[in-house]
Amino acid sequence: MDSKHRYTFFVLTAVALVGVPVVVGAYSQSTYYSQSTYYNEGSYSTVFTTNVTTDSNFTVSGAISKGAGTFVIDHPLDPENLLLYHSFVESPDVKNIYDGIARLDENGEASIVLPDYFEALNKDFRYQVRPIGEPMPDLYISAEVADNKFSVTGGKPNGHVSWQVTGIRHDPFILKYPIINEVKKSKDTVLDRGEYMFDGYADEPSGVGFKRFFRRVWYSLTDVF
């Protein structure tokens, strides 16, 4: 065992005995790793047990899994004192949403043009069309999506309608890496059996942060030794 491996083994043993997360591995001057962060040179995996904030762009070429998600901005009505949060729209499907307002012609009809990539990206379309300002009991979708457009008819001449179309992604990336809705917990998932994202599901607190940290450190030994 060389000095690097002996050092790693010492640090992992200290973590096991003392229960204090520490930093393992190298980092650049432009990157800060606190004691709540574990960095492994072999796998380049990072586990955070405290909040993380970045003030620049963040790009992920794979998938992101989360307990909840929002945007947060300065509140438009009181930017000095308030923050405004909005939740992400969630779905068990990889669903895209498109909507808009369309003006009907003199015959009460409209052809609604979608982005030129719409059918290349989406399948299994769902529609909603509602009149604005006056009832249009005969309004209906007269032609489904084809050539990246669909048609409505039966409305009032020169009236306005609100429309929404959804589609399910079928691009090459999502076909190769589909999102599986229900996954059994194991050592290969974000939490093992008996561990909880939210301790409210457990009879007793599970110490999720430390368990997750130590489990990742322990599994990384296969890359070190």
Protein backbone atom coordinates (compact mmCIF):
# COMPACT_ATOMS: atom_id res chain seq x y z
CA MET A 1 0.00 0.00 0.00
CA ASP A 2 1.60 3.28 -1.08
CA SER A 3 1.46 6.55 0.87
CA LYS A 4 -1.60 7.80 -0.99
CA HIS A 5 -3.55 4.61 -0.22
CA ARG A 6 -2.36 4.60 3.42
CA TYR A 7 -3.55 8.19 3.76
CA THR A 8 -6.91 7.36 2.24
CA PHE A 9 -7.33 4.35 4.52
CA PHE A 10 -6.45 6.48 7.57
CA VAL A 11 -8.99 9.13 6.62
CA LEU A 12 -11.74 6.58 5.97
CA THR A 13 -11.00 4.91 9.30
CA ALA A 14 -11.21 8.28 11.04
CA VAL A 15 -14.57 8.91 9.40
CA ALA A 16 -15.86 5.52 10.56
CA LEU A 17 -14.71 5.99 14.14
CA VAL A 18 -15.30 9.67 14.70
CA GLY A 19 -18.23 10.23 12.34
CA VAL A 20 -16.90 13.54 10.96
CA PRO A 21 -17.04 14.04 7.18
CA VAL A 22 -13.70 15.25 5.78
CA VAL A 23 -12.25 16.11 2.41
CA VAL A 24 -10.38 13.45 0.47
CA GLY A 25 -8.63 14.20 -2.84
CA ALA A 26 -7.31 17.20 -4.70
CA TYR A 27 -9.03 20.47 -5.52
CA SER A 28 -8.08 23.52 -7.54
CA GLN A 29 -7.71 27.08 -6.27
CA SER A 30 -10.98 28.00 -8.00
CA THR A 31 -12.94 25.31 -6.15
CA TYR A 32 -13.82 25.16 -2.47
CA TYR A 33 -14.58 21.88 -0.72
CA SER A 34 -15.88 22.22 2.80
CA GLN A 35 -15.97 19.53 5.46
CA SER A 36 -19.48 18.64 4.32
CA THR A 37 -18.18 17.60 0.90
CA TYR A 38 -16.47 14.38 -0.14
CA TYR A 39 -14.43 14.39 -3.34
CA ASN A 40 -12.91 11.18 -4.74
CA GLU A 41 -10.18 11.42 -7.39
CA GLY A 42 -10.89 7.96 -8.73
CA SER A 43 -14.57 8.35 -9.54
CA TYR A 44 -14.85 12.16 -9.52
CA SER A 45 -18.04 11.80 -7.51
CA THR A 46 -19.09 14.46 -5.00
CA VAL A 47 -21.53 14.11 -2.10
CA PHE A 48 -22.84 17.27 -0.42
CA THR A 49 -24.45 17.14 3.02
CA THR A 50 -25.17 20.89 3.27
CA ASN A 51 -26.73 23.48 0.97
CA VAL A 52 -24.80 24.35 -2.19
CA THR A 53 -25.05 27.67 -4.04
CA THR A 54 -23.58 28.67 -7.40
CA ASP A 55 -23.71 32.13 -8.97
CA SER A 56 -22.96 30.95 -12.51
CA ASN A 57 -24.53 28.62 -15.09
CA PHE A 58 -24.84 24.92 -14.26
CA THR A 59 -25.08 22.34 -17.04
CA VAL A 60 -25.77 18.61 -16.66
CA SER A 61 -25.50 16.29 -19.65
CA GLY A 62 -27.23 13.43 -17.83
CA ALA A 63 -30.27 13.47 -15.52
CA ILE A 64 -31.07 15.29 -12.27
CA SER A 65 -33.03 13.68 -9.44
CA LYS A 66 -34.44 15.85 -6.65
CA GLY A 67 -36.95 15.90 -3.82
CA ALA A 68 -38.45 19.19 -5.00
CA GLY A 69 -37.55 22.01 -7.36
CA THR A 70 -38.24 25.71 -7.79
CA PHE A 71 -37.02 28.86 -9.39
CA VAL A 72 -36.29 31.76 -7.04
CA ILE A 73 -36.01 35.43 -8.04
CA ASP A 74 -36.29 38.84 -6.44
CA HIS A 75 -40.00 39.48 -5.96
CA PRO A 76 -41.22 41.72 -8.83
CA LEU A 77 -43.40 43.81 -6.48
CA ASP A 78 -40.88 44.11 -3.64
CA PRO A 79 -37.41 43.08 -4.87
CA GLU A 80 -35.64 44.66 -1.89
CA ASN A 81 -37.43 42.63 0.79
CA LEU A 82 -38.99 39.51 -0.77
CA LEU A 83 -38.09 36.43 -2.76
CA LEU A 84 -40.53 34.74 -5.14
CA TYR A 85 -40.53 30.94 -5.53
CA HIS A 86 -42.42 28.90 -8.13
CA SER A 87 -42.47 25.11 -8.19
CA PHE A 88 -41.50 23.05 -11.22
CA VAL A 89 -44.34 21.33 -13.08
CA GLU A 90 -43.94 17.60 -12.39
CA SER A 91 -45.19 14.57 -14.31
CA PRO A 92 -44.53 10.80 -14.39
CA ASP A 93 -44.03 11.31 -18.14
CA VAL A 94 -41.28 13.20 -19.95
CA LYS A 95 -43.91 15.71 -21.02
CA ASN A 96 -43.48 18.97 -22.93
CA ILE A 97 -46.16 21.70 -22.83
CA TYR A 98 -46.96 24.21 -25.58
CA ASP A 99 -49.72 26.83 -25.44
CA GLY A 100 -50.87 30.08 -26.94
CA ILE A 101 -53.70 32.30 -28.15
CA ALA A 102 -55.07 31.95 -31.68
CA ARG A 103 -57.33 34.27 -33.65
CA LEU A 104 -59.98 32.60 -35.76
CA ASP A 105 -60.64 33.67 -39.33
CA GLU A 106 -63.95 34.81 -40.82
CA ASN A 107 -65.07 31.16 -40.94
CA GLY A 108 -64.31 30.55 -37.26
CA GLU A 109 -61.26 28.44 -38.08
CA ALA A 110 -57.54 28.56 -37.31
CA SER A 111 -54.42 26.59 -38.18
CA ILE A 112 -52.01 26.60 -35.26
CA VAL A 113 -48.36 26.22 -36.22
CA LEU A 114 -46.02 24.54 -33.74
CA PRO A 115 -42.18 24.61 -33.66
CA ASP A 116 -40.55 22.89 -36.62
CA TYR A 117 -38.99 20.29 -34.27
CA PHE A 118 -42.32 19.45 -32.58
CA GLU A 119 -42.95 16.03 -34.11
CA ALA A 120 -39.26 15.09 -34.07
CA LEU A 121 -39.27 15.64 -30.30
CA ASN A 122 -42.79 14.59 -29.29
CA LYS A 123 -45.45 11.89 -29.64
CA ASP A 124 -48.80 11.00 -27.97
CA PHE A 125 -50.33 14.46 -28.26
CA ARG A 126 -53.06 15.82 -25.97
CA TYR A 127 -55.13 18.91 -26.73
CA GLN A 128 -57.14 21.60 -24.96
CA VAL A 129 -58.92 24.45 -26.74
CA ARG A 130 -61.15 26.98 -24.98
CA PRO A 131 -62.95 30.10 -26.27
CA ILE A 132 -62.11 33.55 -24.94
CA GLY A 133 -64.69 36.29 -24.33
CA GLU A 134 -67.74 34.47 -25.67
CA PRO A 135 -69.17 30.96 -25.78
CA MET A 136 -68.33 28.77 -28.77
CA PRO A 137 -70.22 25.53 -28.19
CA ASP A 138 -69.29 24.10 -31.59
CA LEU A 139 -65.55 24.69 -31.24
CA TYR A 140 -63.50 21.55 -31.83
CA ILE A 141 -60.17 20.26 -33.15
CA SER A 142 -60.75 19.54 -36.82
CA ALA A 143 -57.28 18.21 -37.65
CA GLU A 144 -54.72 16.67 -35.31
CA VAL A 145 -51.01 17.40 -35.46
CA ALA A 146 -49.45 16.81 -38.87
CA ASP A 147 -46.51 18.66 -40.39
CA ASN A 148 -46.10 20.41 -37.02
CA LYS A 149 -49.52 22.08 -36.99
CA PHE A 150 -53.13 21.35 -36.04
CA SER A 151 -56.47 23.00 -36.81
CA VAL A 152 -59.57 24.12 -34.92
CA THR A 153 -62.97 25.04 -36.30
CA GLY A 154 -66.53 25.69 -35.21
CA GLY A 155 -65.71 28.96 -33.44
CA LYS A 156 -67.09 32.48 -33.84
CA PRO A 157 -65.73 34.49 -36.79
CA ASN A 158 -62.67 36.51 -35.77
CA GLY A 159 -62.90 35.16 -32.22
CA HIS A 160 -60.00 34.19 -29.98
CA VAL A 161 -59.24 30.81 -28.43
CA SER A 162 -56.74 29.62 -25.87
CA TRP A 163 -55.00 26.36 -26.78
CA GLN A 164 -52.62 23.90 -25.17
CA VAL A 165 -50.88 20.85 -26.62
CA THR A 166 -48.68 18.39 -24.73
CA GLY A 167 -46.37 15.73 -26.09
CA ILE A 168 -44.21 12.94 -24.71
CA ARG A 169 -40.54 13.04 -25.64
CA HIS A 170 -39.28 10.36 -28.03
CA ASP A 171 -35.91 11.81 -28.99
CA PRO A 172 -32.83 9.50 -29.10
CA PHE A 173 -31.53 10.58 -25.67
CA ILE A 174 -34.72 9.81 -23.75
CA LEU A 175 -35.20 6.52 -25.62
CA LYS A 176 -31.71 5.41 -24.57
CA TYR A 177 -32.02 6.78 -21.03
CA PRO A 178 -35.72 6.52 -20.08
CA ILE A 179 -36.94 7.77 -16.71
CA ILE A 180 -38.07 4.84 -14.55
CA ASN A 181 -40.82 6.03 -12.21
CA GLU A 182 -40.55 3.37 -9.49
CA VAL A 183 -37.14 2.01 -8.46
CA LYS A 184 -36.26 -0.38 -5.65
CA LYS A 185 -33.80 1.02 -3.12
CA SER A 186 -30.38 -0.63 -3.12
CA LYS A 187 -26.71 0.19 -2.62
CA ASP A 188 -26.65 1.30 -6.27
CA THR A 189 -29.40 3.91 -5.88
CA VAL A 190 -29.33 7.29 -4.17
CA LEU A 191 -30.57 5.64 -0.94
CA ASP A 192 -30.26 2.07 0.29
CA ARG A 193 -33.11 0.06 1.82
CA GLY A 194 -34.08 1.41 5.23
CA GLU A 195 -32.82 4.93 4.44
CA TYR A 196 -35.14 7.85 3.83
CA MET A 197 -35.06 11.11 1.93
CA PHE A 198 -37.46 12.47 4.53
CA ASP A 199 -37.27 11.16 8.09
CA GLY A 200 -41.02 11.63 8.51
CA TYR A 201 -41.50 8.23 6.87
CA ALA A 202 -39.39 6.49 9.52
CA ASP A 203 -40.24 5.69 13.14
CA GLU A 204 -36.85 7.06 14.18
CA PRO A 205 -34.45 9.52 12.52
CA SER A 206 -32.24 7.66 10.07
CA GLY A 207 -29.24 9.99 9.85
CA VAL A 208 -29.55 10.05 6.11
CA GLY A 209 -26.75 12.57 5.46
CA PHE A 210 -24.06 10.61 7.31
CA LYS A 211 -25.25 7.23 6.04
CA ARG A 212 -25.22 8.42 2.46
CA PHE A 213 -21.78 9.99 2.88
CA PHE A 214 -20.17 6.99 4.54
CA ARG A 215 -21.75 4.51 2.12
CA ARG A 216 -20.31 6.41 -0.87
CA VAL A 217 -16.88 6.56 0.80
CA TRP A 218 -16.97 2.85 1.57
CA TYR A 219 -17.95 1.87 -1.98
CA SER A 220 -15.17 4.05 -3.37
CA LEU A 221 -12.61 1.73 -1.74
CA THR A 222 -12.96 -0.55 -4.76
CA ASP A 223 -11.46 2.27 -6.83
CA VAL A 224 -8.68 2.99 -4.35
CA PHE A 225 -7.34 -0.47 -3.42
